[in-house]
PDB file of all heavy atoms in Angstrom:
ATOM      1  N   VAL A   1      22.358 -21.423   8.590  1.00  0.00           N
ATOM      2  CA  VAL A   1      21.669 -20.389   7.815  1.00  0.00           C
ATOM      3  C   VAL A   1      22.380 -20.171   6.487  1.00  0.00           C
ATOM      4  O   VAL A   1      21.756 -20.086   5.423  1.00  0.00           O
ATOM      5  CB  VAL A   1      21.599 -19.072   8.622  1.00  0.00           C
ATOM      6  CG1 VAL A   1      21.100 -17.938   7.737  1.00  0.00           C
ATOM      7  CG2 VAL A   1      20.690 -19.235   9.822  1.00  0.00           C
ATOM      8  N   SER A   2      23.706 -20.074   6.530  1.00  0.00           N
ATOM      9  CA  SER A   2      24.470 -19.841   5.314  1.00  0.00           C
ATOM     10  C   SER A   2      24.279 -20.980   4.322  1.00  0.00           C
ATOM     11  O   SER A   2      24.148 -20.759   3.117  1.00  0.00           O
ATOM     12  CB  SER A   2      25.954 -19.679   5.656  1.00  0.00           C
ATOM     13  OG  SER A   2      26.718 -19.511   4.483  1.00  0.00           O
ATOM     14  N   GLU A   3      24.248 -22.213   4.838  1.00  0.00           N
ATOM     15  CA  GLU A   3      24.103 -23.371   3.949  1.00  0.00           C
ATOM     16  C   GLU A   3      22.769 -23.354   3.222  1.00  0.00           C
ATOM     17  O   GLU A   3      22.699 -23.614   2.018  1.00  0.00           O
ATOM     18  CB  GLU A   3      24.239 -24.657   4.775  1.00  0.00           C
ATOM     19  CG  GLU A   3      24.231 -25.919   3.924  1.00  0.00           C
ATOM     20  CD  GLU A   3      24.468 -27.171   4.748  1.00  0.00           C
ATOM     21  OE1 GLU A   3      24.801 -27.033   5.943  1.00  0.00           O
ATOM     22  OE2 GLU A   3      24.329 -28.277   4.190  1.00  0.00           O
ATOM     23  N   VAL A   4      21.685 -23.023   3.917  1.00  0.00           N
ATOM     24  CA  VAL A   4      20.375 -23.032   3.268  1.00  0.00           C
ATOM     25  C   VAL A   4      20.236 -21.846   2.313  1.00  0.00           C
ATOM     26  O   VAL A   4      19.608 -21.959   1.248  1.00  0.00           O
ATOM     27  CB  VAL A   4      19.241 -23.027   4.325  1.00  0.00           C
ATOM     28  CG1 VAL A   4      19.111 -21.673   5.004  1.00  0.00           C
ATOM     29  CG2 VAL A   4      17.906 -23.422   3.695  1.00  0.00           C
ATOM     30  N   LEU A   5      20.836 -20.686   2.647  1.00  0.00           N
ATOM     31  CA  LEU A   5      20.751 -19.542   1.749  1.00  0.00           C
ATOM     32  C   LEU A   5      21.562 -19.762   0.470  1.00  0.00           C
ATOM     33  O   LEU A   5      21.278 -19.146  -0.557  1.00  0.00           O
ATOM     34  CB  LEU A   5      21.254 -18.272   2.451  1.00  0.00           C
ATOM     35  CG  LEU A   5      20.414 -17.716   3.601  1.00  0.00           C
ATOM     36  CD1 LEU A   5      21.074 -16.472   4.186  1.00  0.00           C
ATOM     37  CD2 LEU A   5      18.998 -17.400   3.150  1.00  0.00           C
ATOM     38  N   ALA A   6      22.556 -20.627   0.539  1.00  0.00           N
ATOM     39  CA  ALA A   6      23.442 -20.832  -0.607  1.00  0.00           C
ATOM     40  C   ALA A   6      22.865 -21.768  -1.659  1.00  0.00           C
ATOM     41  O   ALA A   6      23.466 -21.954  -2.723  1.00  0.00           O
ATOM     42  CB  ALA A   6      24.788 -21.365  -0.121  1.00  0.00           C
ATOM     43  N   THR A   7      21.706 -22.376  -1.385  1.00  0.00           N
ATOM     44  CA  THR A   7      21.143 -23.349  -2.319  1.00  0.00           C
ATOM     45  C   THR A   7      19.676 -23.019  -2.600  1.00  0.00           C
ATOM     46  O   THR A   7      19.011 -22.342  -1.808  1.00  0.00           O
ATOM     47  CB  THR A   7      21.229 -24.778  -1.738  1.00  0.00           C
ATOM     48  OG1 THR A   7      20.529 -24.814  -0.485  1.00  0.00           O
ATOM     49  CG2 THR A   7      22.669 -25.182  -1.526  1.00  0.00           C
ATOM     50  N   ASP A   8      19.171 -23.513  -3.742  1.00  0.00           N
ATOM     51  CA  ASP A   8      17.743 -23.404  -4.023  1.00  0.00           C
ATOM     52  C   ASP A   8      16.987 -24.314  -3.057  1.00  0.00           C
ATOM     53  O   ASP A   8      17.362 -25.478  -2.866  1.00  0.00           O
ATOM     54  CB  ASP A   8      17.437 -23.823  -5.463  1.00  0.00           C
ATOM     55  CG  ASP A   8      18.013 -22.843  -6.478  1.00  0.00           C
ATOM     56  OD1 ASP A   8      18.334 -21.706  -6.080  1.00  0.00           O
ATOM     57  OD2 ASP A   8      18.156 -23.224  -7.658  1.00  0.00           O
ATOM     58  N   THR A   9      15.933 -23.795  -2.448  1.00  0.00           N
ATOM     59  CA  THR A   9      15.172 -24.561  -1.462  1.00  0.00           C
ATOM     60  C   THR A   9      13.742 -24.732  -1.959  1.00  0.00           C
ATOM     61  O   THR A   9      13.062 -23.748  -2.265  1.00  0.00           O
ATOM     62  CB  THR A   9      15.157 -23.839  -0.097  1.00  0.00           C
ATOM     63  OG1 THR A   9      16.497 -23.657   0.358  1.00  0.00           O
ATOM     64  CG2 THR A   9      14.387 -24.652   0.935  1.00  0.00           C
ATOM     65  N   VAL A  10      13.291 -25.981  -2.034  1.00  0.00           N
ATOM     66  CA  VAL A  10      11.932 -26.274  -2.478  1.00  0.00           C
ATOM     67  C   VAL A  10      11.042 -26.418  -1.252  1.00  0.00           C
ATOM     68  O   VAL A  10      11.319 -27.216  -0.347  1.00  0.00           O
ATOM     69  CB  VAL A  10      11.880 -27.558  -3.313  1.00  0.00           C
ATOM     70  CG1 VAL A  10      10.439 -27.869  -3.723  1.00  0.00           C
ATOM     71  CG2 VAL A  10      12.774 -27.435  -4.536  1.00  0.00           C
ATOM     72  N   THR A  11       9.987 -25.613  -1.180  1.00  0.00           N
ATOM     73  CA  THR A  11       9.021 -25.719  -0.089  1.00  0.00           C
ATOM     74  C   THR A  11       7.623 -25.647  -0.694  1.00  0.00           C
ATOM     75  O   THR A  11       7.207 -24.612  -1.223  1.00  0.00           O
ATOM     76  CB  THR A  11       9.228 -24.599   0.953  1.00  0.00           C
ATOM     77  OG1 THR A  11       8.154 -24.633   1.881  1.00  0.00           O
ATOM     78  CG2 THR A  11       9.328 -23.228   0.319  1.00  0.00           C
ATOM     79  N   GLY A  12       6.904 -26.762  -0.643  1.00  0.00           N
ATOM     80  CA  GLY A  12       5.592 -26.825  -1.285  1.00  0.00           C
ATOM     81  C   GLY A  12       5.732 -26.684  -2.787  1.00  0.00           C
ATOM     82  O   GLY A  12       6.514 -27.399  -3.432  1.00  0.00           O
ATOM     83  N   ASP A  13       5.003 -25.736  -3.350  1.00  0.00           N
ATOM     84  CA  ASP A  13       5.064 -25.479  -4.786  1.00  0.00           C
ATOM     85  C   ASP A  13       6.024 -24.352  -5.132  1.00  0.00           C
ATOM     86  O   ASP A  13       6.075 -23.908  -6.280  1.00  0.00           O
ATOM     87  CB  ASP A  13       3.659 -25.119  -5.316  1.00  0.00           C
ATOM     88  CG  ASP A  13       2.666 -26.255  -5.132  1.00  0.00           C
ATOM     89  OD1 ASP A  13       3.127 -27.422  -5.129  1.00  0.00           O
ATOM     90  OD2 ASP A  13       1.469 -25.974  -4.965  1.00  0.00           O
ATOM     91  N   ILE A  14       6.766 -23.878  -4.151  1.00  0.00           N
ATOM     92  CA  ILE A  14       7.636 -22.721  -4.353  1.00  0.00           C
ATOM     93  C   ILE A  14       9.096 -23.148  -4.242  1.00  0.00           C
ATOM     94  O   ILE A  14       9.468 -23.954  -3.386  1.00  0.00           O
ATOM     95  CB  ILE A  14       7.343 -21.624  -3.300  1.00  0.00           C
ATOM     96  CG1 ILE A  14       5.885 -21.181  -3.388  1.00  0.00           C
ATOM     97  CG2 ILE A  14       8.271 -20.429  -3.480  1.00  0.00           C
ATOM     98  CD1 ILE A  14       5.505 -20.220  -2.297  1.00  0.00           C
ATOM     99  N   THR A  15       9.921 -22.594  -5.125  1.00  0.00           N
ATOM    100  CA  THR A  15      11.367 -22.783  -5.024  1.00  0.00           C
ATOM    101  C   THR A  15      11.992 -21.453  -4.622  1.00  0.00           C
ATOM    102  O   THR A  15      11.908 -20.462  -5.351  1.00  0.00           O
ATOM    103  CB  THR A  15      11.969 -23.248  -6.355  1.00  0.00           C
ATOM    104  OG1 THR A  15      11.402 -24.523  -6.711  1.00  0.00           O
ATOM    105  CG2 THR A  15      13.488 -23.394  -6.239  1.00  0.00           C
ATOM    106  N   LEU A  16      12.605 -21.438  -3.446  1.00  0.00           N
ATOM    107  CA  LEU A  16      13.285 -20.232  -2.969  1.00  0.00           C
ATOM    108  C   LEU A  16      14.668 -20.184  -3.585  1.00  0.00           C
ATOM    109  O   LEU A  16      15.451 -21.118  -3.418  1.00  0.00           O
ATOM    110  CB  LEU A  16      13.383 -20.256  -1.436  1.00  0.00           C
ATOM    111  CG  LEU A  16      12.058 -20.348  -0.671  1.00  0.00           C
ATOM    112  CD1 LEU A  16      12.323 -20.535   0.822  1.00  0.00           C
ATOM    113  CD2 LEU A  16      11.225 -19.091  -0.907  1.00  0.00           C
ATOM    114  N   PRO A  17      15.012 -19.111  -4.307  1.00  0.00           N
ATOM    115  CA  PRO A  17      16.305 -19.066  -4.993  1.00  0.00           C
ATOM    116  C   PRO A  17      17.457 -18.881  -4.010  1.00  0.00           C
ATOM    117  O   PRO A  17      17.301 -18.306  -2.924  1.00  0.00           O
ATOM    118  CB  PRO A  17      16.167 -17.836  -5.904  1.00  0.00           C
ATOM    119  CG  PRO A  17      15.198 -16.951  -5.184  1.00  0.00           C
ATOM    120  CD  PRO A  17      14.226 -17.881  -4.516  1.00  0.00           C
ATOM    121  N   ALA A  18      18.616 -19.383  -4.399  1.00  0.00           N
ATOM    122  CA  ALA A  18      19.831 -19.165  -3.606  1.00  0.00           C
ATOM    123  C   ALA A  18      20.151 -17.674  -3.556  1.00  0.00           C
ATOM    124  O   ALA A  18      19.870 -16.933  -4.497  1.00  0.00           O
ATOM    125  CB  ALA A  18      20.991 -19.950  -4.206  1.00  0.00           C
ATOM    126  N   ILE A  19      20.733 -17.247  -2.447  1.00  0.00           N
ATOM    127  CA  ILE A  19      21.054 -15.829  -2.245  1.00  0.00           C
ATOM    128  C   ILE A  19      22.553 -15.680  -2.045  1.00  0.00           C
ATOM    129  O   ILE A  19      23.136 -16.299  -1.134  1.00  0.00           O
ATOM    130  CB  ILE A  19      20.292 -15.267  -1.025  1.00  0.00           C
ATOM    131  CG1 ILE A  19      18.783 -15.340  -1.277  1.00  0.00           C
ATOM    132  CG2 ILE A  19      20.730 -13.840  -0.722  1.00  0.00           C
ATOM    133  CD1 ILE A  19      17.955 -14.855  -0.112  1.00  0.00           C
ATOM    134  N   ASP A  20      23.159 -14.884  -2.910  1.00  0.00           N
ATOM    135  CA  ASP A  20      24.588 -14.600  -2.760  1.00  0.00           C
ATOM    136  C   ASP A  20      24.802 -13.798  -1.480  1.00  0.00           C
ATOM    137  O   ASP A  20      24.132 -12.782  -1.251  1.00  0.00           O
ATOM    138  CB  ASP A  20      25.082 -13.807  -3.972  1.00  0.00           C
ATOM    139  CG  ASP A  20      26.587 -13.594  -3.935  1.00  0.00           C
ATOM    140  OD1 ASP A  20      27.284 -14.442  -3.361  1.00  0.00           O
ATOM    141  OD2 ASP A  20      27.049 -12.573  -4.474  1.00  0.00           O
ATOM    142  N   HIS A  21      25.715 -14.246  -0.627  1.00  0.00           N
ATOM    143  CA  HIS A  21      25.900 -13.584   0.661  1.00  0.00           C
ATOM    144  C   HIS A  21      27.319 -13.811   1.164  1.00  0.00           C
ATOM    145  O   HIS A  21      28.054 -14.662   0.659  1.00  0.00           O
ATOM    146  CB  HIS A  21      24.897 -14.115   1.693  1.00  0.00           C
ATOM    147  CG  HIS A  21      25.084 -15.571   2.011  1.00  0.00           C
ATOM    148  ND1 HIS A  21      24.607 -16.574   1.190  1.00  0.00           N
ATOM    149  CD2 HIS A  21      25.709 -16.199   3.040  1.00  0.00           C
ATOM    150  CE1 HIS A  21      24.922 -17.756   1.698  1.00  0.00           C
ATOM    151  NE2 HIS A  21      25.598 -17.551   2.830  1.00  0.00           N
ATOM    152  N   ALA A  22      27.696 -13.033   2.147  1.00  0.00           N
ATOM    153  CA  ALA A  22      28.997 -13.188   2.807  1.00  0.00           C
ATOM    154  C   ALA A  22      28.759 -13.722   4.213  1.00  0.00           C
ATOM    155  O   ALA A  22      27.931 -13.189   4.955  1.00  0.00           O
ATOM    156  CB  ALA A  22      29.725 -11.844   2.872  1.00  0.00           C
ATOM    157  N   LEU A  23      29.471 -14.785   4.553  1.00  0.00           N
ATOM    158  CA  LEU A  23      29.352 -15.377   5.880  1.00  0.00           C
ATOM    159  C   LEU A  23      30.448 -14.805   6.774  1.00  0.00           C
ATOM    160  O   LEU A  23      31.642 -14.912   6.470  1.00  0.00           O
ATOM    161  CB  LEU A  23      29.482 -16.903   5.794  1.00  0.00           C
ATOM    162  CG  LEU A  23      29.521 -17.647   7.133  1.00  0.00           C
ATOM    163  CD1 LEU A  23      28.227 -17.428   7.903  1.00  0.00           C
ATOM    164  CD2 LEU A  23      29.763 -19.134   6.911  1.00  0.00           C
ATOM    165  N   GLN A  24      30.045 -14.192   7.878  1.00  0.00           N
ATOM    166  CA  GLN A  24      31.010 -13.607   8.819  1.00  0.00           C
ATOM    167  C   GLN A  24      30.731 -14.189  10.198  1.00  0.00           C
ATOM    168  O   GLN A  24      29.659 -13.991  10.756  1.00  0.00           O
ATOM    169  CB  GLN A  24      30.871 -12.084   8.848  1.00  0.00           C
ATOM    170  CG  GLN A  24      31.126 -11.439   7.498  1.00  0.00           C
ATOM    171  CD  GLN A  24      30.955  -9.933   7.542  1.00  0.00           C
ATOM    172  OE1 GLN A  24      30.520  -9.383   8.524  1.00  0.00           O
ATOM    173  NE2 GLN A  24      31.310  -9.271   6.446  1.00  0.00           N
TER     174      GLN A  24
END
């Protein structure tokens, strides 16, 4: 989960932006 949230993700015509987060 942390890895995918840390990067821009392209799905279809949409790019989901990376989300700054803390992994615990």
